[in-house]
Amino acid sequence: MRLILASASPRRRELLAQIGYVPDLIVSADIDETELPGEEARPLAERLARGKAAEVLPGYPGDVVLAADTVVSVGRRLLPKAEEETQARDSLKLLSGRAHRVTTGMVVAGPASEMRVRVVETRLKVRRLTDDQIDRYIGTGEWQGKAGGYGIQGAFAAHISHMVGSYSSVVGLPLYEAANCLASAFGEPR
């Protein structure tokens, strides 16, 4: 059996390597990631991870597919994956001085059509940011394509005052859960 990563995220590849799994193939799933009206972070993260796995799995029978999606929320408000500087800036202003949640949905789908689904929520607090601090972070370019307009594994780590939960999940893949699900899928001892 091969490991197929249903994500083009270099962060997820790096995280998997940390626990000894190197994907044999990377296949980016092309699904609509638009949130449904009234959808909250947890169901959205799970639905997107399931959708990515379901899209990729039929092309690789007999293999193990890992798919994941990360959502950032403040209260019931879901923040976008920042593609433009204005999105990142707006997200950072909203996060400034506030607590928020990062929710990652993960699916490991095996050859017997088994789906191991995990949803991991981490709570974080961002210190109050000045306009100058936001400008400097925007200047790094690290925000591009990141949910909530930031990546914790870079310069923005200096602005996280408190975290409860899984650091690796905030980066993009909950490693404890991934290791257990992959071991089970490949029939390895845990």
Protein backbone atom coordinates (compact mmCIF):
# COMPACT_ATOMS: atom_id res chain seq x y z
CA MET A 1 0.00 0.00 0.00
CA ARG A 2 1.12 3.51 -0.78
CA LEU A 3 0.43 6.71 1.15
CA ILE A 4 -1.34 9.32 -0.96
CA LEU A 5 -1.44 12.84 0.48
CA ALA A 6 -4.53 14.67 -0.75
CA SER A 7 -2.92 18.08 -0.21
CA ALA A 8 -0.30 20.19 -1.94
CA SER A 9 0.64 21.78 1.40
CA PRO A 10 4.40 21.61 1.97
CA ARG A 11 3.72 22.00 5.70
CA ARG A 12 1.70 18.78 5.79
CA ARG A 13 4.48 16.93 3.96
CA GLU A 14 7.03 18.21 6.48
CA LEU A 15 4.81 17.25 9.42
CA LEU A 16 4.29 13.73 8.08
CA ALA A 17 8.06 13.34 7.65
CA GLN A 18 8.51 14.22 11.34
CA ILE A 19 6.59 11.07 12.28
CA GLY A 20 8.25 8.87 9.69
CA TYR A 21 5.70 8.94 6.87
CA VAL A 22 6.75 10.15 3.43
CA PRO A 23 3.87 10.30 0.92
CA ASP A 24 4.41 8.16 -2.14
CA LEU A 25 2.25 10.56 -4.14
CA ILE A 26 0.78 14.00 -3.64
CA VAL A 27 -2.57 14.63 -5.30
CA SER A 28 -4.23 17.96 -4.68
CA ALA A 29 -7.99 17.51 -4.32
CA ASP A 30 -10.04 20.03 -6.27
CA ILE A 31 -13.21 20.58 -4.23
CA ASP A 32 -15.39 23.59 -3.51
CA GLU A 33 -14.26 24.88 -0.12
CA THR A 34 -17.08 27.39 0.25
CA GLU A 35 -18.68 27.29 3.67
CA LEU A 36 -22.38 26.48 3.83
CA PRO A 37 -24.77 29.06 5.32
CA GLY A 38 -24.52 28.91 9.12
CA GLU A 39 -21.77 26.27 9.02
CA GLU A 40 -19.40 26.34 11.97
CA ALA A 41 -15.68 25.57 12.05
CA ARG A 42 -15.80 21.97 13.29
CA PRO A 43 -18.35 20.66 10.76
CA LEU A 44 -16.68 22.65 7.97
CA ALA A 45 -13.19 21.27 8.68
CA GLU A 46 -14.56 17.72 8.79
CA ARG A 47 -16.66 18.13 5.64
CA LEU A 48 -13.73 19.52 3.66
CA ALA A 49 -11.34 16.78 4.82
CA ARG A 50 -13.94 14.11 3.95
CA GLY A 51 -14.55 15.76 0.58
CA LYS A 52 -10.85 15.81 -0.29
CA ALA A 53 -10.44 12.16 0.69
CA ALA A 54 -13.57 11.15 -1.26
CA GLU A 55 -12.30 12.97 -4.34
CA VAL A 56 -8.87 11.34 -4.33
CA LEU A 57 -9.57 7.82 -2.98
CA PRO A 58 -11.34 6.34 -6.07
CA GLY A 59 -8.23 6.94 -8.17
CA TYR A 60 -6.05 4.95 -5.78
CA PRO A 61 -7.80 1.73 -4.75
CA GLY A 62 -5.67 -0.35 -2.43
CA ASP A 63 -3.81 2.68 -1.10
CA VAL A 64 -4.15 4.89 1.98
CA VAL A 65 -5.25 8.49 1.44
CA LEU A 66 -4.69 11.24 4.01
CA ALA A 67 -6.66 14.48 3.61
CA ALA A 68 -6.93 17.48 5.92
CA ASP A 69 -8.29 21.00 6.11
CA THR A 70 -7.70 23.76 8.65
CA VAL A 71 -10.20 26.45 9.61
CA VAL A 72 -9.62 29.53 11.78
CA SER A 73 -12.54 31.08 13.64
CA VAL A 74 -13.27 33.89 16.05
CA GLY A 75 -16.51 33.08 17.80
CA ARG A 76 -18.83 31.89 15.04
CA ARG A 77 -17.02 33.90 12.37
CA LEU A 78 -14.87 31.86 9.98
CA LEU A 79 -11.76 33.57 8.63
CA PRO A 80 -10.67 33.06 5.02
CA LYS A 81 -7.50 31.55 3.65
CA ALA A 82 -5.77 34.81 2.83
CA GLU A 83 -5.09 35.10 -0.87
CA GLU A 84 -4.86 38.90 -0.92
CA GLU A 85 -3.08 41.26 1.43
CA THR A 86 -6.34 42.97 2.42
CA GLN A 87 -7.78 39.61 3.58
CA ALA A 88 -4.69 38.93 5.70
CA ARG A 89 -4.69 42.45 7.15
CA ASP A 90 -8.41 42.27 8.02
CA SER A 91 -7.95 38.86 9.67
CA LEU A 92 -4.97 40.04 11.72
CA LYS A 93 -6.86 43.13 12.90
CA LEU A 94 -9.74 40.90 13.98
CA LEU A 95 -7.40 38.48 15.79
CA SER A 96 -5.49 41.28 17.54
CA GLY A 97 -5.90 41.01 21.31
CA ARG A 98 -8.44 38.18 21.00
CA ALA A 99 -8.75 34.48 21.49
CA HIS A 100 -9.60 32.29 18.52
CA ARG A 101 -9.79 28.65 17.48
CA VAL A 102 -7.93 26.69 14.86
CA THR A 103 -9.78 23.53 13.85
CA THR A 104 -8.22 20.86 11.67
CA GLY A 105 -10.25 18.05 10.18
CA MET A 106 -8.29 14.99 9.08
CA VAL A 107 -9.33 11.82 7.27
CA VAL A 108 -7.25 8.72 6.72
CA ALA A 109 -9.05 6.51 4.23
CA GLY A 110 -7.88 2.95 3.70
CA PRO A 111 -8.31 0.39 0.98
CA ALA A 112 -11.28 -1.25 2.70
CA SER A 113 -13.22 2.02 2.39
CA GLU A 114 -12.60 2.66 6.08
CA MET A 115 -12.49 6.32 7.00
CA ARG A 116 -10.73 7.33 10.16
CA VAL A 117 -11.92 10.86 10.92
CA ARG A 118 -10.45 13.18 13.53
CA VAL A 119 -11.22 16.82 14.24
CA VAL A 120 -8.79 18.67 16.50
CA GLU A 121 -9.45 22.10 17.97
CA THR A 122 -6.74 24.33 19.40
CA ARG A 123 -7.40 27.59 21.22
CA LEU A 124 -4.96 30.47 20.84
CA LYS A 125 -4.68 34.08 21.90
CA VAL A 126 -2.96 36.78 19.89
CA ARG A 127 -1.49 39.76 21.69
CA ARG A 128 -2.76 43.19 20.78
CA LEU A 129 -1.06 44.10 17.51
CA THR A 130 -0.02 47.58 16.44
CA ASP A 131 -0.44 48.68 12.83
CA ASP A 132 3.36 48.58 12.52
CA GLN A 133 3.49 44.95 13.72
CA ILE A 134 0.78 43.99 11.24
CA ASP A 135 2.65 45.82 8.44
CA ARG A 136 5.90 44.01 9.31
CA TYR A 137 4.17 40.62 9.32
CA ILE A 138 2.41 41.33 6.03
CA GLY A 139 5.84 42.20 4.63
CA THR A 140 7.10 38.67 5.35
CA GLY A 141 4.63 37.17 2.87
CA GLU A 142 4.10 34.24 5.26
CA TRP A 143 0.36 34.95 5.36
CA GLN A 144 -0.26 33.92 1.75
CA GLY A 145 -2.68 31.02 1.48
CA LYS A 146 -2.91 30.64 5.25
CA ALA A 147 -6.21 30.27 7.08
CA GLY A 148 -6.71 33.34 9.25
CA GLY A 149 -3.89 35.17 7.49
CA TYR A 150 -1.03 33.75 9.53
CA GLY A 151 1.26 30.78 9.97
CA ILE A 152 2.26 29.91 13.53
CA GLN A 153 5.48 28.24 12.37
CA GLY A 154 6.99 31.55 11.24
CA ALA A 155 7.38 35.10 12.44
CA PHE A 156 3.81 35.25 13.75
CA ALA A 157 4.74 32.87 16.60
CA ALA A 158 6.07 35.92 18.44
CA HIS A 159 2.49 37.25 18.65
CA ILE A 160 0.84 34.13 20.13
CA SER A 161 0.56 34.75 23.86
CA HIS A 162 -1.28 31.56 24.79
CA MET A 163 -2.14 28.21 23.22
CA VAL A 164 -4.09 25.20 24.47
CA GLY A 165 -4.10 22.17 22.19
CA SER A 166 -2.03 20.80 19.33
CA TYR A 167 0.69 22.96 17.82
CA SER A 168 1.04 20.64 14.81
CA SER A 169 -2.70 20.89 14.18
CA VAL A 170 -2.37 24.68 13.95
CA VAL A 171 0.42 24.19 11.40
CA GLY A 172 -1.92 21.93 9.41
CA LEU A 173 -1.93 18.33 10.66
CA PRO A 174 -2.51 16.90 14.16
CA LEU A 175 0.46 14.54 14.41
CA TYR A 176 -0.68 12.44 17.36
CA GLU A 177 -3.96 11.64 15.63
CA ALA A 178 -2.28 11.22 12.23
CA ALA A 179 0.27 8.75 13.61
CA ASN A 180 -2.42 6.62 15.23
CA CYS A 181 -4.71 6.64 12.19
CA LEU A 182 -1.89 5.86 9.76
CA ALA A 183 -0.55 3.04 11.94
CA SER A 184 -4.02 1.55 12.02
CA ALA A 185 -4.53 1.95 8.27
CA PHE A 186 -1.19 0.28 7.48
CA GLY A 187 -1.67 -2.45 10.10
CA GLU A 188 1.34 -1.27 12.12
CA PRO A 189 1.65 -1.58 15.89
CA ARG A 190 0.76 1.57 17.79
